Protein backbone atom coordinates (compact mmCIF):
# COMPACT_ATOMS: atom_id res chain seq x y z
CA MET A 1 115.85 115.81 121.29
CA VAL A 2 113.11 117.05 123.62
CA THR A 3 109.51 115.83 123.24
CA ASN A 4 106.45 116.47 125.40
CA ASP A 5 106.87 113.02 126.97
CA GLN A 6 110.66 113.25 127.39
CA SER A 7 110.69 112.43 131.12
CA LEU A 8 108.56 109.33 130.52
CA LEU A 9 110.56 107.89 127.63
CA ARG A 10 113.01 106.11 129.91
CA LEU A 11 110.13 104.35 131.62
CA LYS A 12 108.52 103.40 128.29
CA HIS A 13 111.77 102.04 126.90
CA ARG A 14 112.66 100.18 130.09
CA ILE A 15 109.34 98.34 129.96
CA MET A 16 109.96 97.34 126.33
CA GLU A 17 113.54 96.34 127.10
CA ARG A 18 112.62 94.12 130.05
CA THR A 19 109.68 92.58 128.16
CA ALA A 20 111.99 91.78 125.23
CA ALA A 21 114.61 90.30 127.58
CA LEU A 22 112.01 87.96 129.08
CA ALA A 23 110.90 86.98 125.58
CA TYR A 24 114.49 86.17 124.56
CA GLU A 25 114.70 83.96 127.67
CA ASN A 26 111.41 82.21 126.71
CA ASN A 27 110.17 83.30 130.12
CA LEU A 28 107.38 85.74 129.33
CA ASN A 29 104.13 84.66 130.98
CA ASP A 30 101.42 86.11 133.22
CA GLU A 31 103.50 85.52 136.33
CA THR A 32 106.66 87.16 135.03
CA LYS A 33 104.65 90.05 133.56
CA GLU A 34 103.17 90.79 137.00
CA ALA A 35 106.61 90.47 138.59
CA LEU A 36 107.89 92.98 136.02
CA VAL A 37 105.22 95.46 137.16
CA TYR A 38 106.63 95.39 140.68
CA GLU A 39 110.20 95.47 139.39
CA ILE A 40 109.46 98.68 137.48
CA ILE A 41 107.36 100.24 140.28
CA PRO A 42 108.71 98.80 143.56
CA GLY A 43 107.14 101.44 145.84
CA PRO A 44 106.45 102.46 148.50
CA LEU A 45 106.52 106.01 147.08
CA ALA A 46 105.14 107.07 143.71
CA THR A 47 107.52 108.56 141.16
CA TYR A 48 105.32 109.83 138.31
CA ARG A 49 101.70 109.76 139.46
CA CYS A 50 99.57 110.24 142.54
CA CYS A 51 100.18 106.72 143.87
CA ILE A 52 102.01 103.49 143.08
CA TYR A 53 98.71 101.72 142.31
CA LYS A 54 98.01 104.01 139.35
CA GLU A 55 101.63 103.73 138.23
CA ARG A 56 101.45 99.93 138.32
CA GLU A 57 98.20 99.90 136.37
CA ILE A 58 99.80 102.03 133.66
CA VAL A 59 102.84 99.72 133.54
CA ARG A 60 100.48 96.75 133.06
CA GLU A 61 98.90 98.54 130.11
CA ARG A 62 102.30 99.29 128.62
CA ILE A 63 103.27 95.63 128.93
CA ARG A 64 100.09 94.78 127.00
CA LEU A 65 101.17 97.19 124.24
CA ALA A 66 104.68 95.67 124.30
CA CYS A 67 103.02 92.31 123.58
CA ALA A 68 101.07 93.78 120.61
CA LEU A 69 97.81 93.70 122.58
CA PRO A 70 95.26 96.54 122.78
CA THR A 71 94.76 98.29 126.09
CA SER A 72 92.32 96.62 128.50
CA ASN A 73 89.76 99.43 128.07
CA HIS A 74 89.56 98.72 124.34
CA PRO A 75 90.06 94.93 124.05
CA GLU A 76 88.53 94.70 120.56
CA SER A 77 90.53 97.56 119.06
CA GLU A 78 92.66 96.79 116.01
CA ASN A 79 94.15 100.29 115.87
CA ILE A 80 97.94 100.57 116.11
CA VAL A 81 97.77 103.74 118.23
CA GLN A 82 96.15 103.17 121.62
CA VAL A 83 95.09 105.29 124.61
CA ILE A 84 96.04 104.24 128.14
CA SER A 85 92.99 105.59 129.95
CA ALA A 86 94.57 105.40 133.42
CA ALA A 87 97.32 107.77 132.27
CA CYS A 88 94.99 110.33 130.68
CA GLU A 89 93.76 112.49 133.53
CA GLU A 90 95.40 115.84 133.98
CA CYS A 91 94.40 117.89 130.94
CA PRO A 92 91.79 120.63 131.51
CA LEU A 93 88.20 119.72 130.65
CA SER A 94 87.40 123.18 129.35
CA ALA A 95 88.68 124.21 125.94
CA TYR A 96 88.08 127.89 126.70
CA THR A 97 89.16 129.51 129.96
CA VAL A 98 89.18 133.05 131.33
CA THR A 99 92.65 134.32 132.27
CA ASP A 100 93.85 137.00 134.71
CA ASN A 101 93.59 139.52 131.90
CA CYS A 102 89.83 139.74 132.53
CA ARG A 103 88.99 143.29 133.71
CA LEU A 104 85.31 142.64 134.57
CA CYS A 105 84.48 145.34 132.06
CA MET A 106 81.04 146.94 132.06
CA GLY A 107 80.32 145.95 128.44
CA LYS A 108 80.22 142.23 129.30
CA ALA A 109 81.00 141.32 125.68
CA CYS A 110 81.74 137.71 126.61
CA LEU A 111 78.43 137.27 128.44
CA ASN A 112 76.44 138.86 125.66
CA SER A 113 78.13 136.81 122.92
CA CYS A 114 77.43 133.43 124.52
CA ARG A 115 74.19 131.84 123.28
CA PHE A 116 74.36 128.85 125.62
CA GLY A 117 74.39 130.49 129.06
CA ALA A 118 77.87 129.13 129.77
CA ILE A 119 79.30 132.43 131.10
CA THR A 120 78.69 133.94 134.50
CA ILE A 121 80.29 137.00 136.08
CA GLY A 122 82.36 136.21 139.17
CA GLN A 123 83.92 138.42 141.81
CA ASN A 124 87.30 138.72 140.09
CA ARG A 125 86.67 137.50 136.56
CA SER A 126 84.15 135.89 134.27
CA HIS A 127 83.69 132.15 134.50
CA ILE A 128 82.96 129.57 131.77
CA ASP A 129 80.98 126.47 132.73
CA PRO A 130 82.56 123.56 130.78
CA GLN A 131 79.31 121.59 131.01
CA LYS A 132 77.42 124.25 129.06
CA CYS A 133 80.19 125.51 126.78
CA LYS A 134 79.85 124.37 123.16
CA GLU A 135 83.36 125.56 122.28
CA CYS A 136 82.10 127.90 119.55
CA GLY A 137 84.74 130.48 120.45
CA MET A 138 82.46 133.49 120.18
CA CYS A 139 83.38 134.73 123.66
CA ALA A 140 87.08 134.67 122.87
CA GLN A 141 86.47 136.65 119.70
CA ALA A 142 84.30 139.18 121.52
CA CYS A 143 86.58 139.89 124.51
CA PRO A 144 88.27 143.29 123.93
CA TYR A 145 91.20 142.29 126.19
CA GLY A 146 91.87 138.89 124.65
CA ALA A 147 91.38 137.48 128.14
CA ILE A 148 89.78 134.21 127.04
CA ALA A 149 92.29 131.57 126.01
CA HIS A 150 91.60 128.62 123.76
CA LEU A 151 93.30 125.59 125.34
CA VAL A 152 93.70 122.87 122.74
CA ARG A 153 94.98 119.66 124.27
CA PRO A 154 98.35 118.61 122.80
CA CYS A 155 97.10 115.29 121.40
CA LYS A 156 94.18 116.95 119.61
CA ARG A 157 96.43 119.71 118.25
CA ALA A 158 98.86 117.12 116.85
CA CYS A 159 96.23 115.10 115.00
CA PRO A 160 95.96 116.22 111.35
CA VAL A 161 92.64 114.49 110.68
CA GLY A 162 90.50 115.31 113.73
CA ALA A 163 90.47 111.73 115.01
CA ILE A 164 90.79 112.66 118.70
CA ASN A 165 87.86 113.49 120.96
CA TYR A 166 87.09 113.02 124.66
CA ASP A 167 84.50 111.19 126.73
CA ASP A 168 82.40 112.76 129.48
CA ASN A 169 85.30 112.41 131.92
CA GLY A 170 87.77 114.12 129.62
CA ILE A 171 89.57 110.88 128.70
CA CYS A 172 91.06 110.85 125.22
CA MET A 173 89.23 108.74 122.64
CA ILE A 174 90.55 107.87 119.17
CA ASP A 175 88.04 107.60 116.34
CA GLU A 176 89.51 104.62 114.50
CA SER A 177 87.45 105.37 111.40
CA LYS A 178 89.43 108.61 111.06
CA CYS A 179 92.81 107.74 112.61
CA ILE A 180 95.64 107.40 110.07
CA ASN A 181 98.06 105.92 112.66
CA CYS A 182 100.65 108.62 111.99
CA GLY A 183 101.61 108.55 115.68
CA HIS A 184 102.01 112.31 116.02
CA CYS A 185 99.80 112.29 119.10
CA ILE A 186 102.05 109.81 120.95
CA HIS A 187 104.97 112.06 121.79
CA SER A 188 102.76 115.15 122.03
CA CYS A 189 101.06 113.81 125.19
CA PRO A 190 102.88 115.17 128.28
CA PHE A 191 101.43 112.34 130.42
CA GLY A 192 102.46 109.45 128.18
CA ALA A 193 98.84 108.38 127.81
CA ILE A 194 99.11 107.38 124.14
CA GLY A 195 101.25 104.57 122.81
CA SER A 196 101.41 102.07 119.97
CA LYS A 197 101.36 98.31 119.75
CA THR A 198 104.84 96.83 119.67
CA TYR A 199 105.72 93.55 117.97
CA LEU A 200 109.05 92.76 119.63
CA VAL A 201 107.72 89.69 121.46
CA GLU A 202 106.36 88.13 118.23
CA ILE A 203 109.61 88.88 116.37
CA ILE A 204 111.70 87.33 119.15
CA GLY A 205 109.40 84.30 119.07
CA HIS A 206 110.26 83.72 115.40
CA ILE A 207 113.98 84.17 116.13
CA ASN A 208 113.88 81.76 119.10
CA ALA A 209 112.05 79.21 116.93
CA GLY A 210 114.99 79.19 114.53
CA GLU A 211 113.13 80.81 111.65
CA GLU A 212 114.82 83.03 109.08
CA VAL A 213 114.03 86.60 110.10
CA TYR A 214 115.41 89.46 108.00
CA ALA A 215 115.77 93.06 109.12
CA MET A 216 115.05 95.87 106.65
CA CYS A 217 116.43 99.29 107.61
CA ALA A 218 114.63 102.37 106.32
CA PRO A 219 116.43 104.95 104.17
CA ALA A 220 115.98 107.36 107.11
CA THR A 221 118.31 105.17 109.21
CA GLU A 222 121.53 106.69 107.90
CA GLY A 223 122.31 109.59 110.22
CA GLN A 224 119.91 108.58 113.00
CA PHE A 225 122.68 107.26 115.23
CA GLY A 226 125.50 109.60 114.18
CA ALA A 227 127.90 109.87 111.26
CA ASP A 228 130.01 106.90 112.40
CA ILE A 229 127.12 104.40 112.55
CA THR A 230 126.79 103.08 109.01
CA MET A 231 124.48 100.58 107.37
CA GLU A 232 127.21 97.99 107.96
CA SER A 233 127.04 98.87 111.67
CA LEU A 234 123.32 98.09 111.61
CA ARG A 235 123.92 94.89 109.68
CA VAL A 236 126.39 93.61 112.29
CA ALA A 237 124.10 94.58 115.18
CA THR A 238 120.99 92.93 113.72
CA ARG A 239 122.87 89.67 113.22
CA LYS A 240 123.88 89.73 116.87
CA LEU A 241 120.20 90.13 117.76
CA GLY A 242 119.39 86.91 115.92
CA PHE A 243 118.32 88.23 112.53
CA LYS A 244 119.54 86.22 109.56
CA ASP A 245 120.69 89.36 107.78
CA MET A 246 119.82 93.01 107.10
CA ILE A 247 119.13 94.78 103.82
CA GLU A 248 118.75 98.52 103.26
CA VAL A 249 115.32 99.64 102.11
CA GLY A 250 116.93 102.32 99.97
CA LEU A 251 117.15 99.53 97.39
CA GLY A 252 113.38 99.33 97.63
CA GLY A 253 113.36 103.07 96.96
CA ASP A 254 115.12 102.39 93.65
CA MET A 255 112.55 99.70 92.85
CA THR A 256 109.59 101.91 93.70
CA ALA A 257 110.98 104.87 91.77
CA ALA A 258 111.53 102.76 88.65
CA TYR A 259 107.97 101.42 88.58
CA GLU A 260 106.26 104.58 89.78
CA SER A 261 108.06 106.60 87.10
CA ALA A 262 106.47 104.37 84.45
CA GLU A 263 103.07 105.08 86.02
CA TRP A 264 103.80 108.81 86.07
CA SER A 265 104.73 108.77 82.39
CA GLU A 266 101.51 107.03 81.42
CA ALA A 267 99.39 109.26 83.67
CA PHE A 268 100.99 112.40 82.27
CA LYS A 269 100.17 111.32 78.71
CA GLU A 270 96.54 110.72 79.74
CA GLY A 271 96.27 114.00 81.69
CA LYS A 272 95.62 112.08 84.90
CA LYS A 273 96.63 113.43 88.31
CA MET A 274 98.59 111.04 90.51
CA THR A 275 99.90 110.77 94.08
CA THR A 276 102.83 108.81 95.47
CA SER A 277 102.26 105.62 97.47
CA CYS A 278 105.20 105.40 99.87
CA CYS A 279 104.05 107.16 103.06
CA PRO A 280 101.58 104.85 104.87
CA ALA A 281 100.02 107.69 106.88
CA PHE A 282 99.39 109.56 103.61
CA ILE A 283 97.85 106.39 102.14
CA ASN A 284 95.67 106.01 105.24
CA MET A 285 94.59 109.63 104.86
CA LEU A 286 93.62 108.97 101.25
CA ARG A 287 91.79 105.73 102.05
CA LYS A 288 89.78 107.06 105.01
CA HIS A 289 89.22 110.70 104.12
CA PHE A 290 89.51 110.85 100.32
CA PRO A 291 88.32 107.41 99.13
CA LYS A 292 87.60 108.47 95.56
CA GLN A 293 91.09 109.93 95.16
CA PHE A 294 92.51 106.77 96.76
CA GLU A 295 90.89 104.69 94.03
CA GLU A 296 91.49 107.02 91.10
CA ASN A 297 94.69 108.95 91.74
CA MET A 298 97.04 106.94 93.95
CA SER A 299 99.96 105.09 92.42
CA SER A 300 99.49 101.31 92.41
CA THR A 301 103.22 100.74 92.99
CA VAL A 302 104.16 99.27 96.37
CA SER A 303 106.23 101.09 98.97
CA PRO A 304 110.00 100.46 99.27
CA MET A 305 109.33 98.43 102.44
CA CYS A 306 106.96 96.11 100.58
CA ALA A 307 109.31 95.86 97.58
CA ILE A 308 112.19 94.61 99.74
CA SER A 309 109.91 92.27 101.66
CA ARG A 310 108.71 90.68 98.41
CA TYR A 311 112.28 90.47 97.12
CA LEU A 312 113.40 88.67 100.29
CA LYS A 313 110.40 86.34 100.29
CA TYR A 314 111.18 85.41 96.69
CA LEU A 315 114.78 84.59 97.60
CA HIS A 316 113.93 82.95 100.94
CA PRO A 317 110.42 81.43 100.88
CA GLY A 318 108.85 81.29 104.32
CA CYS A 319 111.11 83.95 105.85
CA LYS A 320 109.86 86.75 108.10
CA THR A 321 110.65 90.38 107.33
CA VAL A 322 110.94 93.21 109.86
CA PHE A 323 111.09 96.89 108.93
CA ILE A 324 113.10 99.23 111.20
CA GLY A 325 112.47 102.96 110.89
CA PRO A 326 111.12 106.18 112.42
CA CYS A 327 107.51 105.52 111.40
CA ILE A 328 104.51 104.45 113.49
CA ALA A 329 102.23 104.17 110.45
CA LYS A 330 104.46 101.49 108.91
CA LYS A 331 102.99 99.16 111.55
CA SER A 332 99.56 99.69 110.03
CA GLU A 333 100.96 99.08 106.54
CA ALA A 334 102.49 95.80 107.70
CA ALA A 335 99.13 94.82 109.23
CA ASP A 336 97.22 95.60 106.00
CA LYS A 337 96.46 92.18 104.49
CA SER A 338 95.15 93.72 101.26
CA VAL A 339 98.78 94.10 100.15
CA PRO A 340 100.25 90.57 99.98
CA ASP A 341 103.81 89.68 101.04
CA ASN A 342 104.43 93.02 102.72
CA ALA A 343 106.66 93.23 105.81
CA ASP A 344 105.47 90.94 108.57
CA TYR A 345 106.33 93.51 111.24
CA ALA A 346 107.51 97.10 111.59
CA ILE A 347 109.35 98.51 114.59
CA THR A 348 110.61 101.97 115.47
CA TYR A 349 114.13 103.05 116.35
CA GLY A 350 113.16 103.25 120.02
CA GLU A 351 111.91 99.67 119.90
CA PHE A 352 115.04 98.58 118.03
CA ARG A 353 117.19 100.13 120.75
CA ALA A 354 115.14 98.25 123.36
CA LEU A 355 116.06 95.04 121.52
CA LEU A 356 119.72 96.03 121.55
CA ARG A 357 119.70 96.65 125.30
CA ALA A 358 117.76 93.45 125.96
CA LYS A 359 120.58 91.45 124.33
CA GLY A 360 123.43 93.68 125.48
CA VAL A 361 124.34 94.65 121.90
CA GLU A 362 126.00 97.98 121.10
CA LEU A 363 125.96 99.85 117.80
CA GLU A 364 129.61 100.15 116.81
CA PRO A 365 131.30 102.18 114.05
CA ALA A 366 132.01 100.23 110.85
CA ASP A 367 133.28 100.98 107.36
CA ASN A 368 130.67 102.46 105.05
CA SER A 369 131.19 99.56 102.65
CA TYR A 370 127.70 98.07 102.47
CA GLN A 371 125.60 99.71 99.76
CA GLU A 372 122.76 98.21 97.74
CA SER A 373 120.87 101.33 96.68
CA SER A 374 121.61 104.42 94.67
CA VAL A 375 121.81 107.77 96.40
CA TRP A 376 118.37 108.47 94.91
CA GLY A 377 116.94 105.53 96.84
CA LYS A 378 118.72 106.61 100.00
CA ARG A 379 117.20 110.09 99.73
CA PHE A 380 113.65 108.71 99.69
CA ALA A 381 113.58 109.58 103.40
CA SER A 382 113.56 113.35 102.82
CA SER A 383 110.75 115.51 101.53
CA GLY A 384 111.17 115.72 97.76
CA GLY A 385 113.27 112.56 97.68
CA VAL A 386 110.59 110.35 96.14
CA ALA A 387 109.71 112.84 93.40
CA ASN A 388 113.37 113.47 92.60
CA ALA A 389 114.04 109.74 92.29
CA VAL A 390 111.01 109.25 90.03
CA ILE A 391 112.08 112.11 87.77
CA GLU A 392 115.64 110.72 87.72
CA CYS A 393 114.30 107.38 86.43
CA MET A 394 112.29 109.11 83.73
CA GLN A 395 115.38 111.03 82.65
CA GLU A 396 117.48 107.85 82.67
CA ARG A 397 114.97 106.45 80.16
CA GLY A 398 115.52 109.53 78.01
CA GLU A 399 112.14 111.11 78.70
CA ASP A 400 111.58 114.87 78.68
CA THR A 401 110.49 115.95 82.17
CA SER A 402 110.58 119.69 81.61
CA GLN A 403 106.79 119.95 81.38
CA LEU A 404 106.06 117.96 84.55
CA LYS A 405 104.51 119.93 87.38
CA LEU A 406 104.55 118.47 90.85
CA VAL A 407 103.90 119.49 94.44
CA GLN A 408 105.92 118.19 97.37
CA VAL A 409 103.90 118.36 100.59
CA ALA A 410 105.24 117.33 104.00
CA GLY A 411 103.15 117.61 107.16
CA GLY A 412 99.64 116.38 107.88
CA ASP A 413 97.88 119.71 107.49
CA ASP A 414 99.52 120.47 104.15
CA CYS A 415 98.75 116.96 102.87
CA ARG A 416 95.09 117.34 103.81
CA LYS A 417 94.81 120.77 102.19
CA THR A 418 96.41 119.55 98.97
CA LEU A 419 94.12 116.52 98.78
CA MET A 420 91.12 118.79 99.33
CA MET A 421 92.26 120.79 96.30
CA LEU A 422 92.55 117.55 94.32
CA LYS A 423 89.07 116.48 95.45
CA ALA A 424 87.60 119.84 94.42
CA ASN A 425 89.27 119.63 90.96
CA ARG A 426 91.28 122.74 91.78
CA PHE A 427 94.69 121.04 91.81
CA LYS A 428 96.61 122.43 88.85
CA GLU A 429 99.82 120.40 88.99
CA ASP A 430 100.29 116.84 87.70
CA PHE A 431 101.64 114.94 90.69
CA ILE A 432 101.61 115.01 94.49
CA GLU A 433 104.41 113.70 96.65
CA GLY A 434 102.74 113.33 100.03
CA MET A 435 104.49 112.78 103.36
CA VAL A 436 102.57 113.31 106.60
CA CYS A 437 105.70 113.96 108.69
CA PRO A 438 107.35 117.42 108.40
CA GLY A 439 110.58 117.08 106.46
CA GLY A 440 109.67 113.59 105.31
CA CYS A 441 110.51 110.26 106.97
CA VAL A 442 113.58 111.72 108.69
CA GLY A 443 111.14 113.85 110.72
CA GLY A 444 109.08 110.82 111.73
CA PRO A 445 107.56 110.60 115.23
CA SER A 446 110.12 108.01 116.35
CA LYS A 447 113.24 109.68 115.02
CA HIS A 448 116.25 109.18 117.29
CA LYS A 449 117.70 112.71 117.15
CA THR A 450 116.68 116.17 116.02
CA GLU A 451 116.22 116.70 112.30
CA MET A 452 119.21 119.06 112.20
CA GLU A 453 121.49 116.49 113.86
CA ILE A 454 120.22 113.76 111.54
CA LYS A 455 120.67 115.93 108.45
CA ARG A 456 124.31 116.71 109.26
CA ALA A 457 125.16 113.06 109.91
CA ARG A 458 123.20 111.90 106.84
CA GLU A 459 125.02 114.22 104.49
CA THR A 460 128.37 112.96 105.81
CA LEU A 461 127.33 109.36 105.14
CA LEU A 462 125.60 109.93 101.81
CA LYS A 463 128.62 111.73 100.38
CA LYS A 464 130.52 108.45 100.71
CA ALA A 465 128.00 106.53 98.58
CA ASP A 466 128.90 105.77 94.95
CA GLY A 467 127.13 107.41 92.02
CA ARG A 468 125.34 104.40 90.55
CA LYS A 469 122.22 105.08 88.49
CA VAL A 470 118.84 103.79 89.60
CA LEU A 471 117.96 101.67 86.56
CA ASP A 472 121.50 100.31 86.19
CA ASN A 473 121.44 99.28 89.83
CA LEU A 474 118.25 97.27 89.37
CA LYS A 475 119.76 95.18 86.57
CA ASP A 476 121.47 93.15 89.29
CA TYR A 477 118.15 92.12 90.86
CA PRO A 478 115.39 89.69 89.70
CA MET A 479 112.74 92.36 89.20
CA ASP A 480 110.65 90.05 86.96
CA LYS A 481 110.24 87.45 89.71
CA PHE A 482 108.07 89.40 92.17
CA SER A 483 105.28 91.93 91.85
CA MET A 484 105.71 95.67 92.31
CA HIS A 485 101.95 96.24 92.32
CA ARG A 486 99.88 96.59 95.47
CA ASP A 487 97.48 93.81 94.49
CA GLY A 488 100.38 91.43 93.90
CA HIS A 489 99.90 90.68 90.17
CA LEU A 490 102.93 90.12 87.94
CA ASP A 491 103.29 92.07 84.68
């Protein structure tokens, strides 16, 4: 799988791996962190940047992120996604630039269309002064040769909510009041200048202290590592890492579907529009950009991650829960204290693999014998999976779903457009299944393979699952002992 930061991924993961190894050894301190900088960038020649001093500064910032700290330029930031200013330097300052297609035509349409005096006529082509340009785009529209290109920086293009801007030096800045922590900007940056806080050190601290720490693997996990790596494979590996045990979050998908379906039924009777509540980036989009719809239209049922965390904390009071998946935004959900007893931490597949390497643990094939969720819960990870599971629960209760109208939207832009329709009272359907990542969770920013590879492996694994029903499956669990509501109240 090729991303814009492909060549830098090895460096990122090596830093996480070595930081985790030091944490496992109870030997992570200021001295060993600085020694790690020189271990990663020994010199005397630079490998990635202009000089080893810049490379070492960037490694120091990445070690800060690996310790769940904000970058040194933004010490007060609570955002999950962070910019490493020292790494953000090579993108063009000008959003509009004149290409070789410029013919220096006599009409001077570009010059005449600019109202800010940003365009001058040079010897070989027109020139745009980035200090005067207001990025209105009128010159590009006016040029008869299409010689003026609009250069949108990759991070800005990837952001679905317009949270990325730049300072006077062209350094990327994240508007935390807008950012939904989807993480799409991270792998879009070709210079590796954007990263996220990582909680491996804190997790290892709990493990080293002898506490009960439980891993929770996302429904998207099946297929991420190939058709021969099953949930049982993950269960064995997490135990070797020091986790007490692992449980599949697909079971949480069953729990969420059962309770959300009851909400849907009630809302449909009342003529009320409703959205799903599983995708944390979608929830962040609602909360920050559509606050009225967040209060009035969002389901109050917790996400599958939260459901399993509450289930585990009921069974094992005082335990710590760690979600493993392809999602950056899950870290922000775990950090949201307005939802009690949610996961204590969330890590990505890349971070999980760094843990594996730090302890010398390999994922090994195992029988596909461990199953706690229905296939409906397992398919929560794909676009349409949540809605299908909710409808399945309604049908299992004997309800008529033929009149239900729903929209399944996957991708930040489509989610935003659909919510704008809801806000404007122009949304005609009854329900919205919103997922900010294209294709659903399986297309998350920290997926391990391409979506096509994952899909093939997932189908192989899911075909081996039994055909248990959602509501029948939940009869084996103490659903009356913990809350399935975001505010934590029991029915």
